mmCIF file of all heavy atoms, coordinates in Angstrom:
data_MODEL
# 
_entry.id   MODEL 
# 
loop_
_atom_site.group_PDB 
_atom_site.id 
_atom_site.type_symbol 
_atom_site.label_atom_id 
_atom_site.label_alt_id 
_atom_site.label_comp_id 
_atom_site.label_asym_id 
_atom_site.label_entity_id 
_atom_site.label_seq_id 
_atom_site.pdbx_PDB_ins_code 
_atom_site.Cartn_x 
_atom_site.Cartn_y 
_atom_site.Cartn_z 
_atom_site.occupancy 
_atom_site.B_iso_or_equiv 
_atom_site.pdbx_formal_charge 
_atom_site.auth_seq_id 
_atom_site.auth_comp_id 
_atom_site.auth_asym_id 
_atom_site.auth_atom_id 
_atom_site.pdbx_PDB_model_num 
ATOM 1   N N   . HIS A 1 1  ? -16.087 -19.982 0.935  1.00 0.00 ? 1  HIS A N   1 
ATOM 2   C CA  . HIS A 1 1  ? -15.102 -20.180 2.002  1.00 0.00 ? 1  HIS A CA  1 
ATOM 3   C C   . HIS A 1 1  ? -14.719 -18.857 2.677  1.00 0.00 ? 1  HIS A C   1 
ATOM 4   O O   . HIS A 1 1  ? -13.737 -18.794 3.411  1.00 0.00 ? 1  HIS A O   1 
ATOM 5   C CB  . HIS A 1 1  ? -13.840 -20.827 1.441  1.00 0.00 ? 1  HIS A CB  1 
ATOM 6   C CG  . HIS A 1 1  ? -14.087 -22.133 0.751  1.00 0.00 ? 1  HIS A CG  1 
ATOM 7   N ND1 . HIS A 1 1  ? -14.714 -23.184 1.369  1.00 0.00 ? 1  HIS A ND1 1 
ATOM 8   C CD2 . HIS A 1 1  ? -13.791 -22.551 -0.514 1.00 0.00 ? 1  HIS A CD2 1 
ATOM 9   C CE1 . HIS A 1 1  ? -14.794 -24.217 0.520  1.00 0.00 ? 1  HIS A CE1 1 
ATOM 10  N NE2 . HIS A 1 1  ? -14.254 -23.850 -0.620 1.00 0.00 ? 1  HIS A NE2 1 
ATOM 11  N N   . LEU A 1 2  ? -15.509 -17.827 2.435  1.00 0.00 ? 2  LEU A N   1 
ATOM 12  C CA  . LEU A 1 2  ? -15.156 -16.489 2.914  1.00 0.00 ? 2  LEU A CA  1 
ATOM 13  C C   . LEU A 1 2  ? -14.953 -16.438 4.425  1.00 0.00 ? 2  LEU A C   1 
ATOM 14  O O   . LEU A 1 2  ? -13.982 -15.858 4.916  1.00 0.00 ? 2  LEU A O   1 
ATOM 15  C CB  . LEU A 1 2  ? -16.259 -15.509 2.496  1.00 0.00 ? 2  LEU A CB  1 
ATOM 16  C CG  . LEU A 1 2  ? -16.078 -14.052 2.919  1.00 0.00 ? 2  LEU A CG  1 
ATOM 17  C CD1 . LEU A 1 2  ? -14.872 -13.448 2.231  1.00 0.00 ? 2  LEU A CD1 1 
ATOM 18  C CD2 . LEU A 1 2  ? -17.333 -13.247 2.586  1.00 0.00 ? 2  LEU A CD2 1 
ATOM 19  N N   . SER A 1 3  ? -15.865 -17.067 5.185  1.00 0.00 ? 3  SER A N   1 
ATOM 20  C CA  . SER A 1 3  ? -15.790 -16.983 6.643  1.00 0.00 ? 3  SER A CA  1 
ATOM 21  C C   . SER A 1 3  ? -14.512 -17.604 7.191  1.00 0.00 ? 3  SER A C   1 
ATOM 22  O O   . SER A 1 3  ? -14.043 -17.238 8.275  1.00 0.00 ? 3  SER A O   1 
ATOM 23  C CB  . SER A 1 3  ? -17.003 -17.669 7.279  1.00 0.00 ? 3  SER A CB  1 
ATOM 24  O OG  . SER A 1 3  ? -17.020 -19.047 6.979  1.00 0.00 ? 3  SER A OG  1 
ATOM 25  N N   . TRP A 1 4  ? -13.908 -18.521 6.443  1.00 0.00 ? 4  TRP A N   1 
ATOM 26  C CA  . TRP A 1 4  ? -12.708 -19.201 6.934  1.00 0.00 ? 4  TRP A CA  1 
ATOM 27  C C   . TRP A 1 4  ? -11.487 -18.294 6.939  1.00 0.00 ? 4  TRP A C   1 
ATOM 28  O O   . TRP A 1 4  ? -10.501 -18.585 7.612  1.00 0.00 ? 4  TRP A O   1 
ATOM 29  C CB  . TRP A 1 4  ? -12.425 -20.446 6.107  1.00 0.00 ? 4  TRP A CB  1 
ATOM 30  C CG  . TRP A 1 4  ? -13.322 -21.579 6.517  1.00 0.00 ? 4  TRP A CG  1 
ATOM 31  C CD1 . TRP A 1 4  ? -14.492 -21.961 5.932  1.00 0.00 ? 4  TRP A CD1 1 
ATOM 32  C CD2 . TRP A 1 4  ? -13.141 -22.436 7.645  1.00 0.00 ? 4  TRP A CD2 1 
ATOM 33  N NE1 . TRP A 1 4  ? -15.049 -23.006 6.619  1.00 0.00 ? 4  TRP A NE1 1 
ATOM 34  C CE2 . TRP A 1 4  ? -14.232 -23.320 7.669  1.00 0.00 ? 4  TRP A CE2 1 
ATOM 35  C CE3 . TRP A 1 4  ? -12.166 -22.544 8.631  1.00 0.00 ? 4  TRP A CE3 1 
ATOM 36  C CZ2 . TRP A 1 4  ? -14.370 -24.307 8.640  1.00 0.00 ? 4  TRP A CZ2 1 
ATOM 37  C CZ3 . TRP A 1 4  ? -12.309 -23.524 9.602  1.00 0.00 ? 4  TRP A CZ3 1 
ATOM 38  C CH2 . TRP A 1 4  ? -13.387 -24.389 9.596  1.00 0.00 ? 4  TRP A CH2 1 
ATOM 39  N N   . VAL A 1 5  ? -11.550 -17.178 6.211  1.00 0.00 ? 5  VAL A N   1 
ATOM 40  C CA  . VAL A 1 5  ? -10.446 -16.214 6.279  1.00 0.00 ? 5  VAL A CA  1 
ATOM 41  C C   . VAL A 1 5  ? -10.341 -15.653 7.697  1.00 0.00 ? 5  VAL A C   1 
ATOM 42  O O   . VAL A 1 5  ? -9.240  -15.385 8.198  1.00 0.00 ? 5  VAL A O   1 
ATOM 43  C CB  . VAL A 1 5  ? -10.659 -15.067 5.260  1.00 0.00 ? 5  VAL A CB  1 
ATOM 44  C CG1 . VAL A 1 5  ? -9.557  -14.026 5.377  1.00 0.00 ? 5  VAL A CG1 1 
ATOM 45  C CG2 . VAL A 1 5  ? -10.719 -15.621 3.842  1.00 0.00 ? 5  VAL A CG2 1 
ATOM 46  N N   . VAL A 1 6  ? -11.480 -15.515 8.355  1.00 0.00 ? 6  VAL A N   1 
ATOM 47  C CA  . VAL A 1 6  ? -11.510 -15.050 9.749  1.00 0.00 ? 6  VAL A CA  1 
ATOM 48  C C   . VAL A 1 6  ? -11.402 -16.221 10.713 1.00 0.00 ? 6  VAL A C   1 
ATOM 49  O O   . VAL A 1 6  ? -10.632 -16.197 11.673 1.00 0.00 ? 6  VAL A O   1 
ATOM 50  C CB  . VAL A 1 6  ? -12.799 -14.254 10.019 1.00 0.00 ? 6  VAL A CB  1 
ATOM 51  C CG1 . VAL A 1 6  ? -12.865 -13.816 11.474 1.00 0.00 ? 6  VAL A CG1 1 
ATOM 52  C CG2 . VAL A 1 6  ? -12.889 -13.046 9.091  1.00 0.00 ? 6  VAL A CG2 1 
ATOM 53  N N   . THR A 1 7  ? -12.183 -17.286 10.458 1.00 0.00 ? 7  THR A N   1 
ATOM 54  C CA  . THR A 1 7  ? -12.225 -18.424 11.369 1.00 0.00 ? 7  THR A CA  1 
ATOM 55  C C   . THR A 1 7  ? -10.869 -19.096 11.508 1.00 0.00 ? 7  THR A C   1 
ATOM 56  O O   . THR A 1 7  ? -10.489 -19.524 12.602 1.00 0.00 ? 7  THR A O   1 
ATOM 57  C CB  . THR A 1 7  ? -13.262 -19.456 10.882 1.00 0.00 ? 7  THR A CB  1 
ATOM 58  O OG1 . THR A 1 7  ? -14.539 -18.834 10.787 1.00 0.00 ? 7  THR A OG1 1 
ATOM 59  C CG2 . THR A 1 7  ? -13.349 -20.631 11.837 1.00 0.00 ? 7  THR A CG2 1 
ATOM 60  N N   . ALA A 1 8  ? -10.113 -19.214 10.419 1.00 0.00 ? 8  ALA A N   1 
ATOM 61  C CA  . ALA A 1 8  ? -8.809  -19.890 10.469 1.00 0.00 ? 8  ALA A CA  1 
ATOM 62  C C   . ALA A 1 8  ? -7.874  -19.208 11.449 1.00 0.00 ? 8  ALA A C   1 
ATOM 63  O O   . ALA A 1 8  ? -7.138  -19.868 12.200 1.00 0.00 ? 8  ALA A O   1 
ATOM 64  C CB  . ALA A 1 8  ? -8.185  -19.917 9.074  1.00 0.00 ? 8  ALA A CB  1 
ATOM 65  N N   . TYR A 1 9  ? -7.894  -17.879 11.474 1.00 0.00 ? 9  TYR A N   1 
ATOM 66  C CA  . TYR A 1 9  ? -7.019  -17.130 12.388 1.00 0.00 ? 9  TYR A CA  1 
ATOM 67  C C   . TYR A 1 9  ? -7.447  -17.336 13.837 1.00 0.00 ? 9  TYR A C   1 
ATOM 68  O O   . TYR A 1 9  ? -6.620  -17.633 14.713 1.00 0.00 ? 9  TYR A O   1 
ATOM 69  C CB  . TYR A 1 9  ? -7.048  -15.647 12.024 1.00 0.00 ? 9  TYR A CB  1 
ATOM 70  C CG  . TYR A 1 9  ? -6.073  -14.798 12.811 1.00 0.00 ? 9  TYR A CG  1 
ATOM 71  C CD1 . TYR A 1 9  ? -4.777  -14.584 12.333 1.00 0.00 ? 9  TYR A CD1 1 
ATOM 72  C CD2 . TYR A 1 9  ? -6.435  -14.225 14.022 1.00 0.00 ? 9  TYR A CD2 1 
ATOM 73  C CE1 . TYR A 1 9  ? -3.869  -13.811 13.055 1.00 0.00 ? 9  TYR A CE1 1 
ATOM 74  C CE2 . TYR A 1 9  ? -5.544  -13.451 14.747 1.00 0.00 ? 9  TYR A CE2 1 
ATOM 75  C CZ  . TYR A 1 9  ? -4.264  -13.242 14.258 1.00 0.00 ? 9  TYR A CZ  1 
ATOM 76  O OH  . TYR A 1 9  ? -3.373  -12.487 14.975 1.00 0.00 ? 9  TYR A OH  1 
ATOM 77  N N   . ILE A 1 10 ? -8.752  -17.192 14.104 1.00 0.00 ? 10 ILE A N   1 
ATOM 78  C CA  . ILE A 1 10 ? -9.247  -17.328 15.478 1.00 0.00 ? 10 ILE A CA  1 
ATOM 79  C C   . ILE A 1 10 ? -9.043  -18.747 15.987 1.00 0.00 ? 10 ILE A C   1 
ATOM 80  O O   . ILE A 1 10 ? -8.618  -18.966 17.131 1.00 0.00 ? 10 ILE A O   1 
ATOM 81  C CB  . ILE A 1 10 ? -10.736 -16.943 15.546 1.00 0.00 ? 10 ILE A CB  1 
ATOM 82  C CG1 . ILE A 1 10 ? -10.919 -15.464 15.194 1.00 0.00 ? 10 ILE A CG1 1 
ATOM 83  C CG2 . ILE A 1 10 ? -11.320 -17.234 16.920 1.00 0.00 ? 10 ILE A CG2 1 
ATOM 84  C CD1 . ILE A 1 10 ? -12.355 -15.019 15.157 1.00 0.00 ? 10 ILE A CD1 1 
ATOM 85  N N   . LEU A 1 11 ? -9.342  -19.748 15.141 1.00 0.00 ? 11 LEU A N   1 
ATOM 86  C CA  . LEU A 1 11 ? -9.203  -21.143 15.543 1.00 0.00 ? 11 LEU A CA  1 
ATOM 87  C C   . LEU A 1 11 ? -7.752  -21.472 15.887 1.00 0.00 ? 11 LEU A C   1 
ATOM 88  O O   . LEU A 1 11 ? -7.461  -22.048 16.942 1.00 0.00 ? 11 LEU A O   1 
ATOM 89  C CB  . LEU A 1 11 ? -9.699  -22.062 14.424 1.00 0.00 ? 11 LEU A CB  1 
ATOM 90  C CG  . LEU A 1 11 ? -9.549  -23.565 14.641 1.00 0.00 ? 11 LEU A CG  1 
ATOM 91  C CD1 . LEU A 1 11 ? -10.297 -23.996 15.896 1.00 0.00 ? 11 LEU A CD1 1 
ATOM 92  C CD2 . LEU A 1 11 ? -10.053 -24.330 13.423 1.00 0.00 ? 11 LEU A CD2 1 
ATOM 93  N N   . ALA A 1 12 ? -6.830  -21.088 15.011 1.00 0.00 ? 12 ALA A N   1 
ATOM 94  C CA  . ALA A 1 12 ? -5.413  -21.395 15.246 1.00 0.00 ? 12 ALA A CA  1 
ATOM 95  C C   . ALA A 1 12 ? -4.887  -20.672 16.488 1.00 0.00 ? 12 ALA A C   1 
ATOM 96  O O   . ALA A 1 12 ? -4.133  -21.251 17.281 1.00 0.00 ? 12 ALA A O   1 
ATOM 97  C CB  . ALA A 1 12 ? -4.585  -21.012 14.019 1.00 0.00 ? 12 ALA A CB  1 
ATOM 98  N N   . SER A 1 13 ? -5.278  -19.412 16.679 1.00 0.00 ? 13 SER A N   1 
ATOM 99  C CA  . SER A 1 13 ? -4.782  -18.664 17.837 1.00 0.00 ? 13 SER A CA  1 
ATOM 100 C C   . SER A 1 13 ? -5.362  -19.212 19.140 1.00 0.00 ? 13 SER A C   1 
ATOM 101 O O   . SER A 1 13 ? -4.676  -19.250 20.169 1.00 0.00 ? 13 SER A O   1 
ATOM 102 C CB  . SER A 1 13 ? -5.125  -17.174 17.694 1.00 0.00 ? 13 SER A CB  1 
ATOM 103 O OG  . SER A 1 13 ? -6.522  -16.967 17.678 1.00 0.00 ? 13 SER A OG  1 
ATOM 104 N N   . THR A 1 14 ? -6.611  -19.662 19.105 1.00 0.00 ? 14 THR A N   1 
ATOM 105 C CA  . THR A 1 14 ? -7.223  -20.235 20.298 1.00 0.00 ? 14 THR A CA  1 
ATOM 106 C C   . THR A 1 14 ? -6.533  -21.530 20.705 1.00 0.00 ? 14 THR A C   1 
ATOM 107 O O   . THR A 1 14 ? -6.286  -21.777 21.891 1.00 0.00 ? 14 THR A O   1 
ATOM 108 C CB  . THR A 1 14 ? -8.718  -20.502 20.057 1.00 0.00 ? 14 THR A CB  1 
ATOM 109 O OG1 . THR A 1 14 ? -9.360  -19.290 19.676 1.00 0.00 ? 14 THR A OG1 1 
ATOM 110 C CG2 . THR A 1 14 ? -9.394  -21.044 21.308 1.00 0.00 ? 14 THR A CG2 1 
ATOM 111 N N   . ILE A 1 15 ? -6.217  -22.370 19.721 1.00 0.00 ? 15 ILE A N   1 
ATOM 112 C CA  . ILE A 1 15 ? -5.545  -23.635 20.008 1.00 0.00 ? 15 ILE A CA  1 
ATOM 113 C C   . ILE A 1 15 ? -4.120  -23.406 20.501 1.00 0.00 ? 15 ILE A C   1 
ATOM 114 O O   . ILE A 1 15 ? -3.637  -24.084 21.410 1.00 0.00 ? 15 ILE A O   1 
ATOM 115 C CB  . ILE A 1 15 ? -5.534  -24.523 18.737 1.00 0.00 ? 15 ILE A CB  1 
ATOM 116 C CG1 . ILE A 1 15 ? -6.959  -24.984 18.412 1.00 0.00 ? 15 ILE A CG1 1 
ATOM 117 C CG2 . ILE A 1 15 ? -4.614  -25.718 18.918 1.00 0.00 ? 15 ILE A CG2 1 
ATOM 118 C CD1 . ILE A 1 15 ? -7.073  -25.707 17.090 1.00 0.00 ? 15 ILE A CD1 1 
ATOM 119 N N   . ALA A 1 16 ? -3.438  -22.422 19.909 1.00 0.00 ? 16 ALA A N   1 
ATOM 120 C CA  . ALA A 1 16 ? -2.018  -22.222 20.212 1.00 0.00 ? 16 ALA A CA  1 
ATOM 121 C C   . ALA A 1 16 ? -1.782  -21.567 21.562 1.00 0.00 ? 16 ALA A C   1 
ATOM 122 O O   . ALA A 1 16 ? -0.743  -21.812 22.195 1.00 0.00 ? 16 ALA A O   1 
ATOM 123 C CB  . ALA A 1 16 ? -1.385  -21.364 19.115 1.00 0.00 ? 16 ALA A CB  1 
ATOM 124 N N   . ALA A 1 17 ? -2.720  -20.750 22.040 1.00 0.00 ? 17 ALA A N   1 
ATOM 125 C CA  . ALA A 1 17 ? -2.484  -19.950 23.247 1.00 0.00 ? 17 ALA A CA  1 
ATOM 126 C C   . ALA A 1 17 ? -2.033  -20.769 24.456 1.00 0.00 ? 17 ALA A C   1 
ATOM 127 O O   . ALA A 1 17 ? -1.010  -20.451 25.074 1.00 0.00 ? 17 ALA A O   1 
ATOM 128 C CB  . ALA A 1 17 ? -3.735  -19.134 23.570 1.00 0.00 ? 17 ALA A CB  1 
ATOM 129 N N   . PRO A 1 18 ? -2.752  -21.836 24.834 1.00 0.00 ? 18 PRO A N   1 
ATOM 130 C CA  . PRO A 1 18 ? -2.307  -22.575 26.022 1.00 0.00 ? 18 PRO A CA  1 
ATOM 131 C C   . PRO A 1 18 ? -0.963  -23.265 25.833 1.00 0.00 ? 18 PRO A C   1 
ATOM 132 O O   . PRO A 1 18 ? -0.229  -23.454 26.800 1.00 0.00 ? 18 PRO A O   1 
ATOM 133 C CB  . PRO A 1 18 ? -3.435  -23.592 26.254 1.00 0.00 ? 18 PRO A CB  1 
ATOM 134 C CG  . PRO A 1 18 ? -4.136  -23.706 24.945 1.00 0.00 ? 18 PRO A CG  1 
ATOM 135 C CD  . PRO A 1 18 ? -4.023  -22.368 24.300 1.00 0.00 ? 18 PRO A CD  1 
ATOM 136 N N   . LEU A 1 19 ? -0.639  -23.638 24.592 1.00 0.00 ? 19 LEU A N   1 
ATOM 137 C CA  . LEU A 1 19 ? 0.664   -24.264 24.339 1.00 0.00 ? 19 LEU A CA  1 
ATOM 138 C C   . LEU A 1 19 ? 1.785   -23.273 24.575 1.00 0.00 ? 19 LEU A C   1 
ATOM 139 O O   . LEU A 1 19 ? 2.814   -23.602 25.188 1.00 0.00 ? 19 LEU A O   1 
ATOM 140 C CB  . LEU A 1 19 ? 0.715   -24.788 22.898 1.00 0.00 ? 19 LEU A CB  1 
ATOM 141 C CG  . LEU A 1 19 ? -0.285  -25.892 22.533 1.00 0.00 ? 19 LEU A CG  1 
ATOM 142 C CD1 . LEU A 1 19 ? -0.138  -26.258 21.060 1.00 0.00 ? 19 LEU A CD1 1 
ATOM 143 C CD2 . LEU A 1 19 ? -0.070  -27.109 23.408 1.00 0.00 ? 19 LEU A CD2 1 
ATOM 144 N N   . TYR A 1 20 ? 1.608   -22.055 24.104 1.00 0.00 ? 20 TYR A N   1 
ATOM 145 C CA  . TYR A 1 20 ? 2.638   -21.029 24.296 1.00 0.00 ? 20 TYR A CA  1 
ATOM 146 C C   . TYR A 1 20 ? 2.821   -20.706 25.775 1.00 0.00 ? 20 TYR A C   1 
ATOM 147 O O   . TYR A 1 20 ? 3.936   -20.458 26.230 1.00 0.00 ? 20 TYR A O   1 
ATOM 148 C CB  . TYR A 1 20 ? 2.273   -19.761 23.531 1.00 0.00 ? 20 TYR A CB  1 
ATOM 149 C CG  . TYR A 1 20 ? 2.613   -19.803 22.072 1.00 0.00 ? 20 TYR A CG  1 
ATOM 150 C CD1 . TYR A 1 20 ? 1.621   -19.878 21.099 1.00 0.00 ? 20 TYR A CD1 1 
ATOM 151 C CD2 . TYR A 1 20 ? 3.934   -19.766 21.650 1.00 0.00 ? 20 TYR A CD2 1 
ATOM 152 C CE1 . TYR A 1 20 ? 1.933   -19.908 19.755 1.00 0.00 ? 20 TYR A CE1 1 
ATOM 153 C CE2 . TYR A 1 20 ? 4.266   -19.792 20.299 1.00 0.00 ? 20 TYR A CE2 1 
ATOM 154 C CZ  . TYR A 1 20 ? 3.259   -19.869 19.358 1.00 0.00 ? 20 TYR A CZ  1 
ATOM 155 O OH  . TYR A 1 20 ? 3.577   -19.900 18.030 1.00 0.00 ? 20 TYR A OH  1 
ATOM 156 N N   . GLY A 1 21 ? 1.733   -20.690 26.518 1.00 0.00 ? 21 GLY A N   1 
ATOM 157 C CA  . GLY A 1 21 ? 1.861   -20.414 27.939 1.00 0.00 ? 21 GLY A CA  1 
ATOM 158 C C   . GLY A 1 21 ? 2.744   -21.427 28.633 1.00 0.00 ? 21 GLY A C   1 
ATOM 159 O O   . GLY A 1 21 ? 3.623   -21.069 29.424 1.00 0.00 ? 21 GLY A O   1 
ATOM 160 N N   . LYS A 1 22 ? 2.527   -22.710 28.328 1.00 0.00 ? 22 LYS A N   1 
ATOM 161 C CA  . LYS A 1 22 ? 3.329   -23.756 28.960 1.00 0.00 ? 22 LYS A CA  1 
ATOM 162 C C   . LYS A 1 22 ? 4.757   -23.754 28.446 1.00 0.00 ? 22 LYS A C   1 
ATOM 163 O O   . LYS A 1 22 ? 5.715   -23.871 29.223 1.00 0.00 ? 22 LYS A O   1 
ATOM 164 C CB  . LYS A 1 22 ? 2.671   -25.115 28.699 1.00 0.00 ? 22 LYS A CB  1 
ATOM 165 C CG  . LYS A 1 22 ? 3.353   -26.263 29.436 1.00 0.00 ? 22 LYS A CG  1 
ATOM 166 C CD  . LYS A 1 22 ? 3.251   -26.077 30.943 1.00 0.00 ? 22 LYS A CD  1 
ATOM 167 C CE  . LYS A 1 22 ? 3.863   -27.242 31.685 1.00 0.00 ? 22 LYS A CE  1 
ATOM 168 N NZ  . LYS A 1 22 ? 3.832   -27.039 33.141 1.00 0.00 ? 22 LYS A NZ  1 
ATOM 169 N N   . LEU A 1 23 ? 4.935   -23.633 27.122 1.00 0.00 ? 23 LEU A N   1 
ATOM 170 C CA  . LEU A 1 23 ? 6.287   -23.631 26.542 1.00 0.00 ? 23 LEU A CA  1 
ATOM 171 C C   . LEU A 1 23 ? 7.095   -22.441 27.039 1.00 0.00 ? 23 LEU A C   1 
ATOM 172 O O   . LEU A 1 23 ? 8.309   -22.544 27.242 1.00 0.00 ? 23 LEU A O   1 
ATOM 173 C CB  . LEU A 1 23 ? 6.196   -23.625 25.012 1.00 0.00 ? 23 LEU A CB  1 
ATOM 174 C CG  . LEU A 1 23 ? 5.644   -24.898 24.371 1.00 0.00 ? 23 LEU A CG  1 
ATOM 175 C CD1 . LEU A 1 23 ? 5.448   -24.702 22.873 1.00 0.00 ? 23 LEU A CD1 1 
ATOM 176 C CD2 . LEU A 1 23 ? 6.569   -26.082 24.628 1.00 0.00 ? 23 LEU A CD2 1 
ATOM 177 N N   . GLY A 1 24 ? 6.426   -21.294 27.225 1.00 0.00 ? 24 GLY A N   1 
ATOM 178 C CA  . GLY A 1 24 ? 7.125   -20.136 27.767 1.00 0.00 ? 24 GLY A CA  1 
ATOM 179 C C   . GLY A 1 24 ? 7.607   -20.378 29.180 1.00 0.00 ? 24 GLY A C   1 
ATOM 180 O O   . GLY A 1 24 ? 8.706   -19.964 29.566 1.00 0.00 ? 24 GLY A O   1 
ATOM 181 N N   . ASP A 1 25 ? 6.787   -21.072 29.985 1.00 0.00 ? 25 ASP A N   1 
ATOM 182 C CA  . ASP A 1 25 ? 7.204   -21.414 31.340 1.00 0.00 ? 25 ASP A CA  1 
ATOM 183 C C   . ASP A 1 25 ? 8.381   -22.396 31.336 1.00 0.00 ? 25 ASP A C   1 
ATOM 184 O O   . ASP A 1 25 ? 9.271   -22.323 32.185 1.00 0.00 ? 25 ASP A O   1 
ATOM 185 C CB  . ASP A 1 25 ? 6.039   -22.039 32.110 1.00 0.00 ? 25 ASP A CB  1 
ATOM 186 C CG  . ASP A 1 25 ? 5.034   -20.997 32.576 1.00 0.00 ? 25 ASP A CG  1 
ATOM 187 O OD1 . ASP A 1 25 ? 5.387   -19.802 32.613 1.00 0.00 ? 25 ASP A OD1 1 
ATOM 188 O OD2 . ASP A 1 25 ? 3.898   -21.379 32.889 1.00 0.00 ? 25 ASP A OD2 1 
# 
């Protein structure tokens, strides 16, 4: 599961980015 230490961060940040943009507005 080694790659998921990196993938989990990138996946979560990619999904969250557009939500934060709208919520910030």
